Amino acid sequence: NVEDHYTKQEVMITMRDGIKLHTTIY
């Protein structure tokens, strides 16, 4: 069970031109 061993975070990372990319981090 991934949830038992990992936390999950979702962020929007800003690129150099201002565009934001969805990023999921376990």
mmCIF file of all heavy atoms, coordinates in Angstrom:
data_MODEL
# 
_entry.id   MODEL 
# 
loop_
_atom_site.group_PDB 
_atom_site.id 
_atom_site.type_symbol 
_atom_site.label_atom_id 
_atom_site.label_alt_id 
_atom_site.label_comp_id 
_atom_site.label_asym_id 
_atom_site.label_entity_id 
_atom_site.label_seq_id 
_atom_site.pdbx_PDB_ins_code 
_atom_site.Cartn_x 
_atom_site.Cartn_y 
_atom_site.Cartn_z 
_atom_site.occupancy 
_atom_site.B_iso_or_equiv 
_atom_site.pdbx_formal_charge 
_atom_site.auth_seq_id 
_atom_site.auth_comp_id 
_atom_site.auth_asym_id 
_atom_site.auth_atom_id 
_atom_site.pdbx_PDB_model_num 
ATOM 1   N N   . ASN A 1 1  ? 0.837  -1.182 0.000   1.00 0.00 ? 1  ASN A N   1 
ATOM 2   C CA  . ASN A 1 1  ? 0.000  0.000  0.000   1.00 0.00 ? 1  ASN A CA  1 
ATOM 3   C C   . ASN A 1 1  ? 0.878  1.239  0.000   1.00 0.00 ? 1  ASN A C   1 
ATOM 4   O O   . ASN A 1 1  ? 1.538  1.540  1.001   1.00 0.00 ? 1  ASN A O   1 
ATOM 5   C CB  . ASN A 1 1  ? -0.934 -0.004 1.219   1.00 0.00 ? 1  ASN A CB  1 
ATOM 6   C CG  . ASN A 1 1  ? -2.001 1.064  1.131   1.00 0.00 ? 1  ASN A CG  1 
ATOM 7   O OD1 . ASN A 1 1  ? -1.904 1.985  0.319   1.00 0.00 ? 1  ASN A OD1 1 
ATOM 8   N ND2 . ASN A 1 1  ? -3.013 0.952  1.964   1.00 0.00 ? 1  ASN A ND2 1 
ATOM 9   N N   . VAL A 1 2  ? 0.916  1.935  -1.118  1.00 0.00 ? 2  VAL A N   1 
ATOM 10  C CA  . VAL A 1 2  ? 1.775  3.119  -1.248  1.00 0.00 ? 2  VAL A CA  1 
ATOM 11  C C   . VAL A 1 2  ? 1.455  4.137  -0.162  1.00 0.00 ? 2  VAL A C   1 
ATOM 12  O O   . VAL A 1 2  ? 2.359  4.758  0.415   1.00 0.00 ? 2  VAL A O   1 
ATOM 13  C CB  . VAL A 1 2  ? 1.615  3.742  -2.649  1.00 0.00 ? 2  VAL A CB  1 
ATOM 14  C CG1 . VAL A 1 2  ? 2.397  5.052  -2.746  1.00 0.00 ? 2  VAL A CG1 1 
ATOM 15  C CG2 . VAL A 1 2  ? 2.085  2.776  -3.735  1.00 0.00 ? 2  VAL A CG2 1 
ATOM 16  N N   . GLU A 1 3  ? 0.193  4.313  0.145   1.00 0.00 ? 3  GLU A N   1 
ATOM 17  C CA  . GLU A 1 3  ? -0.223 5.323  1.118   1.00 0.00 ? 3  GLU A CA  1 
ATOM 18  C C   . GLU A 1 3  ? 0.335  5.045  2.517   1.00 0.00 ? 3  GLU A C   1 
ATOM 19  O O   . GLU A 1 3  ? 0.517  5.969  3.313   1.00 0.00 ? 3  GLU A O   1 
ATOM 20  C CB  . GLU A 1 3  ? -1.745 5.396  1.161   1.00 0.00 ? 3  GLU A CB  1 
ATOM 21  C CG  . GLU A 1 3  ? -2.289 6.594  1.926   1.00 0.00 ? 3  GLU A CG  1 
ATOM 22  C CD  . GLU A 1 3  ? -3.779 6.755  1.764   1.00 0.00 ? 3  GLU A CD  1 
ATOM 23  O OE1 . GLU A 1 3  ? -4.404 5.912  1.070   1.00 0.00 ? 3  GLU A OE1 1 
ATOM 24  O OE2 . GLU A 1 3  ? -4.326 7.719  2.319   1.00 0.00 ? 3  GLU A OE2 1 
ATOM 25  N N   . ASP A 1 4  ? 0.619  3.779  2.812   1.00 0.00 ? 4  ASP A N   1 
ATOM 26  C CA  . ASP A 1 4  ? 1.178  3.442  4.123   1.00 0.00 ? 4  ASP A CA  1 
ATOM 27  C C   . ASP A 1 4  ? 2.633  3.858  4.249   1.00 0.00 ? 4  ASP A C   1 
ATOM 28  O O   . ASP A 1 4  ? 3.145  4.012  5.371   1.00 0.00 ? 4  ASP A O   1 
ATOM 29  C CB  . ASP A 1 4  ? 1.074  1.931  4.374   1.00 0.00 ? 4  ASP A CB  1 
ATOM 30  C CG  . ASP A 1 4  ? -0.361 1.472  4.557   1.00 0.00 ? 4  ASP A CG  1 
ATOM 31  O OD1 . ASP A 1 4  ? -1.225 2.314  4.846   1.00 0.00 ? 4  ASP A OD1 1 
ATOM 32  O OD2 . ASP A 1 4  ? -0.607 0.251  4.388   1.00 0.00 ? 4  ASP A OD2 1 
ATOM 33  N N   . HIS A 1 5  ? 3.304  4.018  3.126   1.00 0.00 ? 5  HIS A N   1 
ATOM 34  C CA  . HIS A 1 5  ? 4.745  4.257  3.159   1.00 0.00 ? 5  HIS A CA  1 
ATOM 35  C C   . HIS A 1 5  ? 5.170  5.617  2.593   1.00 0.00 ? 5  HIS A C   1 
ATOM 36  O O   . HIS A 1 5  ? 6.316  6.030  2.783   1.00 0.00 ? 5  HIS A O   1 
ATOM 37  C CB  . HIS A 1 5  ? 5.459  3.153  2.373   1.00 0.00 ? 5  HIS A CB  1 
ATOM 38  C CG  . HIS A 1 5  ? 5.202  1.772  2.904   1.00 0.00 ? 5  HIS A CG  1 
ATOM 39  N ND1 . HIS A 1 5  ? 5.907  1.227  3.940   1.00 0.00 ? 5  HIS A ND1 1 
ATOM 40  C CD2 . HIS A 1 5  ? 4.281  0.836  2.535   1.00 0.00 ? 5  HIS A CD2 1 
ATOM 41  C CE1 . HIS A 1 5  ? 5.462  -0.003 4.187   1.00 0.00 ? 5  HIS A CE1 1 
ATOM 42  N NE2 . HIS A 1 5  ? 4.468  -0.256 3.348   1.00 0.00 ? 5  HIS A NE2 1 
ATOM 43  N N   . TYR A 1 6  ? 4.264  6.274  1.896   1.00 0.00 ? 6  TYR A N   1 
ATOM 44  C CA  . TYR A 1 6  ? 4.614  7.533  1.235   1.00 0.00 ? 6  TYR A CA  1 
ATOM 45  C C   . TYR A 1 6  ? 3.574  8.612  1.541   1.00 0.00 ? 6  TYR A C   1 
ATOM 46  O O   . TYR A 1 6  ? 2.390  8.320  1.747   1.00 0.00 ? 6  TYR A O   1 
ATOM 47  C CB  . TYR A 1 6  ? 4.675  7.349  -0.292  1.00 0.00 ? 6  TYR A CB  1 
ATOM 48  C CG  . TYR A 1 6  ? 5.921  6.639  -0.791  1.00 0.00 ? 6  TYR A CG  1 
ATOM 49  C CD1 . TYR A 1 6  ? 5.997  5.246  -0.792  1.00 0.00 ? 6  TYR A CD1 1 
ATOM 50  C CD2 . TYR A 1 6  ? 7.008  7.367  -1.268  1.00 0.00 ? 6  TYR A CD2 1 
ATOM 51  C CE1 . TYR A 1 6  ? 7.126  4.598  -1.258  1.00 0.00 ? 6  TYR A CE1 1 
ATOM 52  C CE2 . TYR A 1 6  ? 8.146  6.725  -1.743  1.00 0.00 ? 6  TYR A CE2 1 
ATOM 53  C CZ  . TYR A 1 6  ? 8.202  5.342  -1.733  1.00 0.00 ? 6  TYR A CZ  1 
ATOM 54  O OH  . TYR A 1 6  ? 9.332  4.705  -2.190  1.00 0.00 ? 6  TYR A OH  1 
ATOM 55  N N   . THR A 1 7  ? 4.026  9.849  1.562   1.00 0.00 ? 7  THR A N   1 
ATOM 56  C CA  . THR A 1 7  ? 3.126  10.995 1.553   1.00 0.00 ? 7  THR A CA  1 
ATOM 57  C C   . THR A 1 7  ? 3.048  11.521 0.126   1.00 0.00 ? 7  THR A C   1 
ATOM 58  O O   . THR A 1 7  ? 3.946  11.277 -0.692  1.00 0.00 ? 7  THR A O   1 
ATOM 59  C CB  . THR A 1 7  ? 3.625  12.120 2.474   1.00 0.00 ? 7  THR A CB  1 
ATOM 60  O OG1 . THR A 1 7  ? 4.905  12.587 2.002   1.00 0.00 ? 7  THR A OG1 1 
ATOM 61  C CG2 . THR A 1 7  ? 3.765  11.627 3.908   1.00 0.00 ? 7  THR A CG2 1 
ATOM 62  N N   . LYS A 1 8  ? 1.979  12.244 -0.175  1.00 0.00 ? 8  LYS A N   1 
ATOM 63  C CA  . LYS A 1 8  ? 1.801  12.784 -1.521  1.00 0.00 ? 8  LYS A CA  1 
ATOM 64  C C   . LYS A 1 8  ? 1.600  14.290 -1.462  1.00 0.00 ? 8  LYS A C   1 
ATOM 65  O O   . LYS A 1 8  ? 0.831  14.800 -0.651  1.00 0.00 ? 8  LYS A O   1 
ATOM 66  C CB  . LYS A 1 8  ? 0.600  12.132 -2.210  1.00 0.00 ? 8  LYS A CB  1 
ATOM 67  C CG  . LYS A 1 8  ? 0.352  12.624 -3.638  1.00 0.00 ? 8  LYS A CG  1 
ATOM 68  C CD  . LYS A 1 8  ? -0.893 12.006 -4.238  1.00 0.00 ? 8  LYS A CD  1 
ATOM 69  C CE  . LYS A 1 8  ? -1.166 12.556 -5.635  1.00 0.00 ? 8  LYS A CE  1 
ATOM 70  N NZ  . LYS A 1 8  ? -2.423 12.018 -6.209  1.00 0.00 ? 8  LYS A NZ  1 
ATOM 71  N N   . GLN A 1 9  ? 2.282  14.991 -2.346  1.00 0.00 ? 9  GLN A N   1 
ATOM 72  C CA  . GLN A 1 9  ? 2.176  16.438 -2.439  1.00 0.00 ? 9  GLN A CA  1 
ATOM 73  C C   . GLN A 1 9  ? 1.991  16.831 -3.902  1.00 0.00 ? 9  GLN A C   1 
ATOM 74  O O   . GLN A 1 9  ? 2.628  16.257 -4.794  1.00 0.00 ? 9  GLN A O   1 
ATOM 75  C CB  . GLN A 1 9  ? 3.458  17.090 -1.887  1.00 0.00 ? 9  GLN A CB  1 
ATOM 76  C CG  . GLN A 1 9  ? 3.506  18.604 -1.968  1.00 0.00 ? 9  GLN A CG  1 
ATOM 77  C CD  . GLN A 1 9  ? 4.861  19.161 -1.549  1.00 0.00 ? 9  GLN A CD  1 
ATOM 78  O OE1 . GLN A 1 9  ? 5.839  18.411 -1.396  1.00 0.00 ? 9  GLN A OE1 1 
ATOM 79  N NE2 . GLN A 1 9  ? 4.932  20.471 -1.368  1.00 0.00 ? 9  GLN A NE2 1 
ATOM 80  N N   . GLU A 1 10 ? 1.110  17.772 -4.167  1.00 0.00 ? 10 GLU A N   1 
ATOM 81  C CA  . GLU A 1 10 ? 0.909  18.300 -5.513  1.00 0.00 ? 10 GLU A CA  1 
ATOM 82  C C   . GLU A 1 10 ? 1.262  19.777 -5.527  1.00 0.00 ? 10 GLU A C   1 
ATOM 83  O O   . GLU A 1 10 ? 0.795  20.548 -4.682  1.00 0.00 ? 10 GLU A O   1 
ATOM 84  C CB  . GLU A 1 10 ? -0.539 18.103 -5.975  1.00 0.00 ? 10 GLU A CB  1 
ATOM 85  C CG  . GLU A 1 10 ? -0.915 16.654 -6.177  1.00 0.00 ? 10 GLU A CG  1 
ATOM 86  C CD  . GLU A 1 10 ? -2.322 16.466 -6.714  1.00 0.00 ? 10 GLU A CD  1 
ATOM 87  O OE1 . GLU A 1 10 ? -3.167 17.360 -6.500  1.00 0.00 ? 10 GLU A OE1 1 
ATOM 88  O OE2 . GLU A 1 10 ? -2.577 15.438 -7.368  1.00 0.00 ? 10 GLU A OE2 1 
ATOM 89  N N   . VAL A 1 11 ? 2.106  20.163 -6.486  1.00 0.00 ? 11 VAL A N   1 
ATOM 90  C CA  . VAL A 1 11 ? 2.541  21.557 -6.582  1.00 0.00 ? 11 VAL A CA  1 
ATOM 91  C C   . VAL A 1 11 ? 2.502  22.000 -8.039  1.00 0.00 ? 11 VAL A C   1 
ATOM 92  O O   . VAL A 1 11 ? 2.525  21.184 -8.958  1.00 0.00 ? 11 VAL A O   1 
ATOM 93  C CB  . VAL A 1 11 ? 3.977  21.750 -6.024  1.00 0.00 ? 11 VAL A CB  1 
ATOM 94  C CG1 . VAL A 1 11 ? 4.031  21.419 -4.547  1.00 0.00 ? 11 VAL A CG1 1 
ATOM 95  C CG2 . VAL A 1 11 ? 4.977  20.883 -6.797  1.00 0.00 ? 11 VAL A CG2 1 
ATOM 96  N N   . MET A 1 12 ? 2.425  23.289 -8.240  1.00 0.00 ? 12 MET A N   1 
ATOM 97  C CA  . MET A 1 12 ? 2.563  23.893 -9.567  1.00 0.00 ? 12 MET A CA  1 
ATOM 98  C C   . MET A 1 12 ? 3.908  24.601 -9.591  1.00 0.00 ? 12 MET A C   1 
ATOM 99  O O   . MET A 1 12 ? 4.116  25.595 -8.871  1.00 0.00 ? 12 MET A O   1 
ATOM 100 C CB  . MET A 1 12 ? 1.428  24.869 -9.836  1.00 0.00 ? 12 MET A CB  1 
ATOM 101 C CG  . MET A 1 12 ? 0.045  24.240 -9.898  1.00 0.00 ? 12 MET A CG  1 
ATOM 102 S SD  . MET A 1 12 ? -0.193 23.113 -11.307 1.00 0.00 ? 12 MET A SD  1 
ATOM 103 C CE  . MET A 1 12 ? -0.388 24.291 -12.657 1.00 0.00 ? 12 MET A CE  1 
ATOM 104 N N   . ILE A 1 13 ? 4.838  24.081 -10.378 1.00 0.00 ? 13 ILE A N   1 
ATOM 105 C CA  . ILE A 1 13 ? 6.187  24.642 -10.437 1.00 0.00 ? 13 ILE A CA  1 
ATOM 106 C C   . ILE A 1 13 ? 6.261  25.639 -11.582 1.00 0.00 ? 13 ILE A C   1 
ATOM 107 O O   . ILE A 1 13 ? 5.896  25.330 -12.721 1.00 0.00 ? 13 ILE A O   1 
ATOM 108 C CB  . ILE A 1 13 ? 7.235  23.530 -10.608 1.00 0.00 ? 13 ILE A CB  1 
ATOM 109 C CG1 . ILE A 1 13 ? 7.176  22.560 -9.417  1.00 0.00 ? 13 ILE A CG1 1 
ATOM 110 C CG2 . ILE A 1 13 ? 8.637  24.127 -10.743 1.00 0.00 ? 13 ILE A CG2 1 
ATOM 111 C CD1 . ILE A 1 13 ? 8.150  21.402 -9.509  1.00 0.00 ? 13 ILE A CD1 1 
ATOM 112 N N   . THR A 1 14 ? 6.744  26.834 -11.290 1.00 0.00 ? 14 THR A N   1 
ATOM 113 C CA  . THR A 1 14 ? 6.800  27.912 -12.274 1.00 0.00 ? 14 THR A CA  1 
ATOM 114 C C   . THR A 1 14 ? 8.050  27.801 -13.138 1.00 0.00 ? 14 THR A C   1 
ATOM 115 O O   . THR A 1 14 ? 9.172  27.712 -12.615 1.00 0.00 ? 14 THR A O   1 
ATOM 116 C CB  . THR A 1 14 ? 6.771  29.287 -11.574 1.00 0.00 ? 14 THR A CB  1 
ATOM 117 O OG1 . THR A 1 14 ? 5.597  29.364 -10.758 1.00 0.00 ? 14 THR A OG1 1 
ATOM 118 C CG2 . THR A 1 14 ? 6.746  30.413 -12.594 1.00 0.00 ? 14 THR A CG2 1 
ATOM 119 N N   . MET A 1 15 ? 7.864  27.812 -14.445 1.00 0.00 ? 15 MET A N   1 
ATOM 120 C CA  . MET A 1 15 ? 8.977  27.786 -15.389 1.00 0.00 ? 15 MET A CA  1 
ATOM 121 C C   . MET A 1 15 ? 9.486  29.211 -15.630 1.00 0.00 ? 15 MET A C   1 
ATOM 122 O O   . MET A 1 15 ? 8.886  30.200 -15.221 1.00 0.00 ? 15 MET A O   1 
ATOM 123 C CB  . MET A 1 15 ? 8.527  27.160 -16.708 1.00 0.00 ? 15 MET A CB  1 
ATOM 124 C CG  . MET A 1 15 ? 7.994  25.736 -16.578 1.00 0.00 ? 15 MET A CG  1 
ATOM 125 S SD  . MET A 1 15 ? 9.226  24.510 -16.057 1.00 0.00 ? 15 MET A SD  1 
ATOM 126 C CE  . MET A 1 15 ? 8.811  24.292 -14.309 1.00 0.00 ? 15 MET A CE  1 
ATOM 127 N N   . ARG A 1 16 ? 10.588 29.336 -16.321 1.00 0.00 ? 16 ARG A N   1 
ATOM 128 C CA  . ARG A 1 16 ? 11.245 30.632 -16.513 1.00 0.00 ? 16 ARG A CA  1 
ATOM 129 C C   . ARG A 1 16 ? 10.392 31.647 -17.263 1.00 0.00 ? 16 ARG A C   1 
ATOM 130 O O   . ARG A 1 16 ? 10.609 32.849 -17.131 1.00 0.00 ? 16 ARG A O   1 
ATOM 131 C CB  . ARG A 1 16 ? 12.578 30.436 -17.234 1.00 0.00 ? 16 ARG A CB  1 
ATOM 132 C CG  . ARG A 1 16 ? 12.484 29.840 -18.632 1.00 0.00 ? 16 ARG A CG  1 
ATOM 133 C CD  . ARG A 1 16 ? 13.859 29.448 -19.148 1.00 0.00 ? 16 ARG A CD  1 
ATOM 134 N NE  . ARG A 1 16 ? 14.496 28.454 -18.277 1.00 0.00 ? 16 ARG A NE  1 
ATOM 135 C CZ  . ARG A 1 16 ? 15.737 28.004 -18.444 1.00 0.00 ? 16 ARG A CZ  1 
ATOM 136 N NH1 . ARG A 1 16 ? 16.471 28.463 -19.441 1.00 0.00 ? 16 ARG A NH1 1 
ATOM 137 N NH2 . ARG A 1 16 ? 16.241 27.112 -17.618 1.00 0.00 ? 16 ARG A NH2 1 
ATOM 138 N N   . ASP A 1 17 ? 9.415  31.163 -18.029 1.00 0.00 ? 17 ASP A N   1 
ATOM 139 C CA  . ASP A 1 17 ? 8.543  32.091 -18.760 1.00 0.00 ? 17 ASP A CA  1 
ATOM 140 C C   . ASP A 1 17 ? 7.224  32.330 -18.029 1.00 0.00 ? 17 ASP A C   1 
ATOM 141 O O   . ASP A 1 17 ? 6.312  32.956 -18.573 1.00 0.00 ? 17 ASP A O   1 
ATOM 142 C CB  . ASP A 1 17 ? 8.264  31.574 -20.165 1.00 0.00 ? 17 ASP A CB  1 
ATOM 143 C CG  . ASP A 1 17 ? 7.505  30.252 -20.171 1.00 0.00 ? 17 ASP A CG  1 
ATOM 144 O OD1 . ASP A 1 17 ? 7.605  29.518 -19.171 1.00 0.00 ? 17 ASP A OD1 1 
ATOM 145 O OD2 . ASP A 1 17 ? 6.814  29.961 -21.161 1.00 0.00 ? 17 ASP A OD2 1 
ATOM 146 N N   . GLY A 1 18 ? 7.113  31.817 -16.809 1.00 0.00 ? 18 GLY A N   1 
ATOM 147 C CA  . GLY A 1 18 ? 5.924  32.062 -16.011 1.00 0.00 ? 18 GLY A CA  1 
ATOM 148 C C   . GLY A 1 18 ? 4.876  30.969 -16.066 1.00 0.00 ? 18 GLY A C   1 
ATOM 149 O O   . GLY A 1 18 ? 3.926  30.967 -15.284 1.00 0.00 ? 18 GLY A O   1 
ATOM 150 N N   . ILE A 1 19 ? 5.003  30.020 -16.993 1.00 0.00 ? 19 ILE A N   1 
ATOM 151 C CA  . ILE A 1 19 ? 4.054  28.913 -17.105 1.00 0.00 ? 19 ILE A CA  1 
ATOM 152 C C   . ILE A 1 19 ? 4.266  27.956 -15.923 1.00 0.00 ? 19 ILE A C   1 
ATOM 153 O O   . ILE A 1 19 ? 5.397  27.659 -15.540 1.00 0.00 ? 19 ILE A O   1 
ATOM 154 C CB  . ILE A 1 19 ? 4.226  28.177 -18.449 1.00 0.00 ? 19 ILE A CB  1 
ATOM 155 C CG1 . ILE A 1 19 ? 3.786  29.088 -19.590 1.00 0.00 ? 19 ILE A CG1 1 
ATOM 156 C CG2 . ILE A 1 19 ? 3.439  26.878 -18.470 1.00 0.00 ? 19 ILE A CG2 1 
ATOM 157 C CD1 . ILE A 1 19 ? 2.306  29.453 -19.567 1.00 0.00 ? 19 ILE A CD1 1 
ATOM 158 N N   . LYS A 1 20 ? 3.141  27.426 -15.388 1.00 0.00 ? 20 LYS A N   1 
ATOM 159 C CA  . LYS A 1 20 ? 3.216  26.539 -14.236 1.00 0.00 ? 20 LYS A CA  1 
ATOM 160 C C   . LYS A 1 20 ? 2.865  25.104 -14.645 1.00 0.00 ? 20 LYS A C   1 
ATOM 161 O O   . LYS A 1 20 ? 1.884  24.880 -15.346 1.00 0.00 ? 20 LYS A O   1 
ATOM 162 C CB  . LYS A 1 20 ? 2.261  27.021 -13.144 1.00 0.00 ? 20 LYS A CB  1 
ATOM 163 C CG  . LYS A 1 20 ? 2.625  28.400 -12.600 1.00 0.00 ? 20 LYS A CG  1 
ATOM 164 C CD  . LYS A 1 20 ? 1.631  28.863 -11.544 1.00 0.00 ? 20 LYS A CD  1 
ATOM 165 C CE  . LYS A 1 20 ? 2.013  30.244 -11.019 1.00 0.00 ? 20 LYS A CE  1 
ATOM 166 N NZ  . LYS A 1 20 ? 1.053  30.735 -9.999  1.00 0.00 ? 20 LYS A NZ  1 
ATOM 167 N N   . LEU A 1 21 ? 3.680  24.159 -14.179 1.00 0.00 ? 21 LEU A N   1 
ATOM 168 C CA  . LEU A 1 21 ? 3.504  22.751 -14.524 1.00 0.00 ? 21 LEU A CA  1 
ATOM 169 C C   . LEU A 1 21 ? 3.112  21.945 -13.296 1.00 0.00 ? 21 LEU A C   1 
ATOM 170 O O   . LEU A 1 21 ? 3.759  22.024 -12.244 1.00 0.00 ? 21 LEU A O   1 
ATOM 171 C CB  . LEU A 1 21 ? 4.797  22.176 -15.132 1.00 0.00 ? 21 LEU A CB  1 
ATOM 172 C CG  . LEU A 1 21 ? 5.384  22.906 -16.340 1.00 0.00 ? 21 LEU A CG  1 
ATOM 173 C CD1 . LEU A 1 21 ? 6.569  22.116 -16.895 1.00 0.00 ? 21 LEU A CD1 1 
ATOM 174 C CD2 . LEU A 1 21 ? 4.337  23.148 -17.413 1.00 0.00 ? 21 LEU A CD2 1 
ATOM 175 N N   . HIS A 1 22 ? 2.042  21.150 -13.466 1.00 0.00 ? 22 HIS A N   1 
ATOM 176 C CA  . HIS A 1 22 ? 1.581  20.297 -12.378 1.00 0.00 ? 22 HIS A CA  1 
ATOM 177 C C   . HIS A 1 22 ? 2.618  19.216 -12.085 1.00 0.00 ? 22 HIS A C   1 
ATOM 178 O O   . HIS A 1 22 ? 3.067  18.492 -12.980 1.00 0.00 ? 22 HIS A O   1 
ATOM 179 C CB  . HIS A 1 22 ? 0.250  19.631 -12.744 1.00 0.00 ? 22 HIS A CB  1 
ATOM 180 C CG  . HIS A 1 22 ? -0.218 18.652 -11.702 1.00 0.00 ? 22 HIS A CG  1 
ATOM 181 N ND1 . HIS A 1 22 ? -1.160 18.966 -10.760 1.00 0.00 ? 22 HIS A ND1 1 
ATOM 182 C CD2 . HIS A 1 22 ? 0.153  17.371 -11.448 1.00 0.00 ? 22 HIS A CD2 1 
ATOM 183 C CE1 . HIS A 1 22 ? -1.361 17.932 -9.974  1.00 0.00 ? 22 HIS A CE1 1 
ATOM 184 N NE2 . HIS A 1 22 ? -0.573 16.943 -10.378 1.00 0.00 ? 22 HIS A NE2 1 
ATOM 185 N N   . THR A 1 23 ? 2.966  19.094 -10.799 1.00 0.00 ? 23 THR A N   1 
ATOM 186 C CA  . THR A 1 23 ? 3.973  18.124 -10.375 1.00 0.00 ? 23 THR A CA  1 
ATOM 187 C C   . THR A 1 23 ? 3.479  17.394 -9.135  1.00 0.00 ? 23 THR A C   1 
ATOM 188 O O   . THR A 1 23 ? 3.029  18.023 -8.176  1.00 0.00 ? 23 THR A O   1 
ATOM 189 C CB  . THR A 1 23 ? 5.307  18.828 -10.069 1.00 0.00 ? 23 THR A CB  1 
ATOM 190 O OG1 . THR A 1 23 ? 5.674  19.657 -11.187 1.00 0.00 ? 23 THR A OG1 1 
ATOM 191 C CG2 . THR A 1 23 ? 6.405  17.826 -9.802  1.00 0.00 ? 23 THR A CG2 1 
ATOM 192 N N   . THR A 1 24 ? 3.562  16.079 -9.168  1.00 0.00 ? 24 THR A N   1 
ATOM 193 C CA  . THR A 1 24 ? 3.161  15.237 -8.043  1.00 0.00 ? 24 THR A CA  1 
ATOM 194 C C   . THR A 1 24 ? 4.404  14.624 -7.422  1.00 0.00 ? 24 THR A C   1 
ATOM 195 O O   . THR A 1 24 ? 5.246  14.070 -8.134  1.00 0.00 ? 24 THR A O   1 
ATOM 196 C CB  . THR A 1 24 ? 2.200  14.128 -8.493  1.00 0.00 ? 24 THR A CB  1 
ATOM 197 O OG1 . THR A 1 24 ? 1.023  14.719 -9.058  1.00 0.00 ? 24 THR A OG1 1 
ATOM 198 C CG2 . THR A 1 24 ? 1.799  13.246 -7.328  1.00 0.00 ? 24 THR A CG2 1 
ATOM 199 N N   . ILE A 1 25 ? 4.498  14.713 -6.096  1.00 0.00 ? 25 ILE A N   1 
ATOM 200 C CA  . ILE A 1 25 ? 5.689  14.247 -5.385  1.00 0.00 ? 25 ILE A CA  1 
ATOM 201 C C   . ILE A 1 25 ? 5.282  13.233 -4.324  1.00 0.00 ? 25 ILE A C   1 
ATOM 202 O O   . ILE A 1 25 ? 4.474  13.537 -3.437  1.00 0.00 ? 25 ILE A O   1 
ATOM 203 C CB  . ILE A 1 25 ? 6.432  15.425 -4.717  1.00 0.00 ? 25 ILE A CB  1 
ATOM 204 C CG1 . ILE A 1 25 ? 6.775  16.496 -5.761  1.00 0.00 ? 25 ILE A CG1 1 
ATOM 205 C CG2 . ILE A 1 25 ? 7.686  14.941 -4.005  1.00 0.00 ? 25 ILE A CG2 1 
ATOM 206 C CD1 . ILE A 1 25 ? 7.135  17.835 -5.163  1.00 0.00 ? 25 ILE A CD1 1 
ATOM 207 N N   . TYR A 1 26 ? 5.822  12.027 -4.425  1.00 0.00 ? 26 TYR A N   1 
ATOM 208 C CA  . TYR A 1 26 ? 5.629  10.998 -3.403  1.00 0.00 ? 26 TYR A CA  1 
ATOM 209 C C   . TYR A 1 26 ? 6.923  10.883 -2.598  1.00 0.00 ? 26 TYR A C   1 
ATOM 210 O O   . TYR A 1 26 ? 7.983  10.565 -3.154  1.00 0.00 ? 26 TYR A O   1 
ATOM 211 C CB  . TYR A 1 26 ? 5.313  9.649  -4.036  1.00 0.00 ? 26 TYR A CB  1 
ATOM 212 C CG  . TYR A 1 26 ? 3.987  9.577  -4.756  1.00 0.00 ? 26 TYR A CG  1 
ATOM 213 C CD1 . TYR A 1 26 ? 3.876  9.930  -6.106  1.00 0.00 ? 26 TYR A CD1 1 
ATOM 214 C CD2 . TYR A 1 26 ? 2.839  9.142  -4.096  1.00 0.00 ? 26 TYR A CD2 1 
ATOM 215 C CE1 . TYR A 1 26 ? 2.653  9.852  -6.766  1.00 0.00 ? 26 TYR A CE1 1 
ATOM 216 C CE2 . TYR A 1 26 ? 1.613  9.053  -4.745  1.00 0.00 ? 26 TYR A CE2 1 
ATOM 217 C CZ  . TYR A 1 26 ? 1.528  9.416  -6.080  1.00 0.00 ? 26 TYR A CZ  1 
ATOM 218 O OH  . TYR A 1 26 ? 0.326  9.336  -6.732  1.00 0.00 ? 26 TYR A OH  1 
# 
